[in-house]
Amino acid sequence: METLKFKTNIKCMGCISTVTPVLNEKAGTDKWKVDLQDPDKTLVVESDTKAEEIVEALKGVGYNAERI
């Protein structure tokens, strides 16, 4: 299992509600979290999913992610 970190534009609980289904599908339930207090709104994913798949899944629901 790998830990991936992304800078995102996920900024509120409404955003998290929108991305939850796609992140649960790609990474697995309880395998990801977004730090809304961090200025970079860091998404941390602990999964075997490739970073590109996470980025594409988020793009599909209107959000950006950049691996850090």
C-alpha atoms as a PDB file:
ATOM      1  CA  MET A   1       0.000   0.000   0.000  1.00  0.00           C
ATOM      2  CA  GLU A   2       1.259   3.436  -0.931  1.00  0.00           C
ATOM      3  CA  THR A   3       0.531   6.842   0.615  1.00  0.00           C
ATOM      4  CA  LEU A   4      -0.232   9.473  -2.018  1.00  0.00           C
ATOM      5  CA  LYS A   5      -0.630  13.194  -1.297  1.00  0.00           C
ATOM      6  CA  PHE A   6      -2.330  15.736  -3.515  1.00  0.00           C
ATOM      7  CA  LYS A   7      -2.906  19.492  -3.436  1.00  0.00           C
ATOM      8  CA  THR A   8      -6.594  19.980  -4.287  1.00  0.00           C
ATOM      9  CA  ASN A   9      -9.343  22.551  -4.676  1.00  0.00           C
ATOM     10  CA  ILE A  10     -11.659  20.606  -2.342  1.00  0.00           C
ATOM     11  CA  LYS A  11     -12.588  23.357   0.108  1.00  0.00           C
ATOM     12  CA  CYS A  12     -15.707  22.435   2.090  1.00  0.00           C
ATOM     13  CA  MET A  13     -17.908  19.627   3.357  1.00  0.00           C
ATOM     14  CA  GLY A  14     -20.117  19.989   0.276  1.00  0.00           C
ATOM     15  CA  CYS A  15     -17.066  19.329  -1.889  1.00  0.00           C
ATOM     16  CA  ILE A  16     -16.217  16.277   0.189  1.00  0.00           C
ATOM     17  CA  SER A  17     -19.761  14.983  -0.293  1.00  0.00           C
ATOM     18  CA  THR A  18     -19.280  15.294  -4.044  1.00  0.00           C
ATOM     19  CA  VAL A  19     -15.912  13.494  -4.167  1.00  0.00           C
ATOM     20  CA  THR A  20     -16.740  10.775  -1.624  1.00  0.00           C
ATOM     21  CA  PRO A  21     -18.362   8.312  -4.080  1.00  0.00           C
ATOM     22  CA  VAL A  22     -15.501   8.478  -6.603  1.00  0.00           C
ATOM     23  CA  LEU A  23     -12.740   8.336  -3.982  1.00  0.00           C
ATOM     24  CA  ASN A  24     -14.436   5.455  -2.184  1.00  0.00           C
ATOM     25  CA  GLU A  25     -14.642   3.612  -5.501  1.00  0.00           C
ATOM     26  CA  LYS A  26     -11.028   4.311  -6.545  1.00  0.00           C
ATOM     27  CA  ALA A  27      -9.216   4.186  -3.214  1.00  0.00           C
ATOM     28  CA  GLY A  28     -11.618   2.391  -0.895  1.00  0.00           C
ATOM     29  CA  THR A  29     -13.811   3.525   1.960  1.00  0.00           C
ATOM     30  CA  ASP A  30     -11.795   5.026   4.828  1.00  0.00           C
ATOM     31  CA  LYS A  31      -8.603   4.950   2.726  1.00  0.00           C
ATOM     32  CA  TRP A  32      -8.522   8.706   2.055  1.00  0.00           C
ATOM     33  CA  LYS A  33      -8.984  12.031   3.821  1.00  0.00           C
ATOM     34  CA  VAL A  34      -8.869  15.733   2.997  1.00  0.00           C
ATOM     35  CA  ASP A  35      -7.325  18.238   5.413  1.00  0.00           C
ATOM     36  CA  LEU A  36      -9.589  21.269   5.009  1.00  0.00           C
ATOM     37  CA  GLN A  37      -7.502  23.252   7.513  1.00  0.00           C
ATOM     38  CA  ASP A  38      -4.368  22.975   5.352  1.00  0.00           C
ATOM     39  CA  PRO A  39      -4.000  25.875   2.862  1.00  0.00           C
ATOM     40  CA  ASP A  40      -3.298  23.294   0.126  1.00  0.00           C
ATOM     41  CA  LYS A  41      -6.434  21.285   1.050  1.00  0.00           C
ATOM     42  CA  THR A  42      -4.253  18.175   1.060  1.00  0.00           C
ATOM     43  CA  LEU A  43      -5.824  14.884   0.046  1.00  0.00           C
ATOM     44  CA  VAL A  44      -4.061  11.828   1.481  1.00  0.00           C
ATOM     45  CA  VAL A  45      -4.840   8.450  -0.081  1.00  0.00           C
ATOM     46  CA  GLU A  46      -3.560   5.165   1.332  1.00  0.00           C
ATOM     47  CA  SER A  47      -4.165   2.656  -1.413  1.00  0.00           C
ATOM     48  CA  ASP A  48      -2.607   0.719  -4.278  1.00  0.00           C
ATOM     49  CA  THR A  49      -4.486   2.956  -6.719  1.00  0.00           C
ATOM     50  CA  LYS A  50      -2.282   4.870  -9.156  1.00  0.00           C
ATOM     51  CA  ALA A  51      -2.012   8.632  -8.660  1.00  0.00           C
ATOM     52  CA  GLU A  52      -3.217   9.260 -12.218  1.00  0.00           C
ATOM     53  CA  GLU A  53      -6.435   7.358 -11.510  1.00  0.00           C
ATOM     54  CA  ILE A  54      -7.166   9.548  -8.482  1.00  0.00           C
ATOM     55  CA  VAL A  55      -6.472  12.733 -10.476  1.00  0.00           C
ATOM     56  CA  GLU A  56      -8.736  11.589 -13.335  1.00  0.00           C
ATOM     57  CA  ALA A  57     -11.529  10.533 -10.969  1.00  0.00           C
ATOM     58  CA  LEU A  58     -11.505  13.951  -9.313  1.00  0.00           C
ATOM     59  CA  LYS A  59     -11.465  15.713 -12.692  1.00  0.00           C
ATOM     60  CA  GLY A  60     -14.549  13.709 -13.599  1.00  0.00           C
ATOM     61  CA  VAL A  61     -16.507  15.394 -10.795  1.00  0.00           C
ATOM     62  CA  GLY A  62     -15.028  18.860 -11.322  1.00  0.00           C
ATOM     63  CA  TYR A  63     -12.049  18.994  -8.943  1.00  0.00           C
ATOM     64  CA  ASN A  64      -8.320  19.376  -9.467  1.00  0.00           C
ATOM     65  CA  ALA A  65      -5.551  17.421  -7.789  1.00  0.00           C
ATOM     66  CA  GLU A  66      -1.804  17.805  -8.127  1.00  0.00           C
ATOM     67  CA  ARG A  67       0.482  15.201  -6.611  1.00  0.00           C
ATOM     68  CA  ILE A  68       2.868  16.581  -3.992  1.00  0.00           C
END
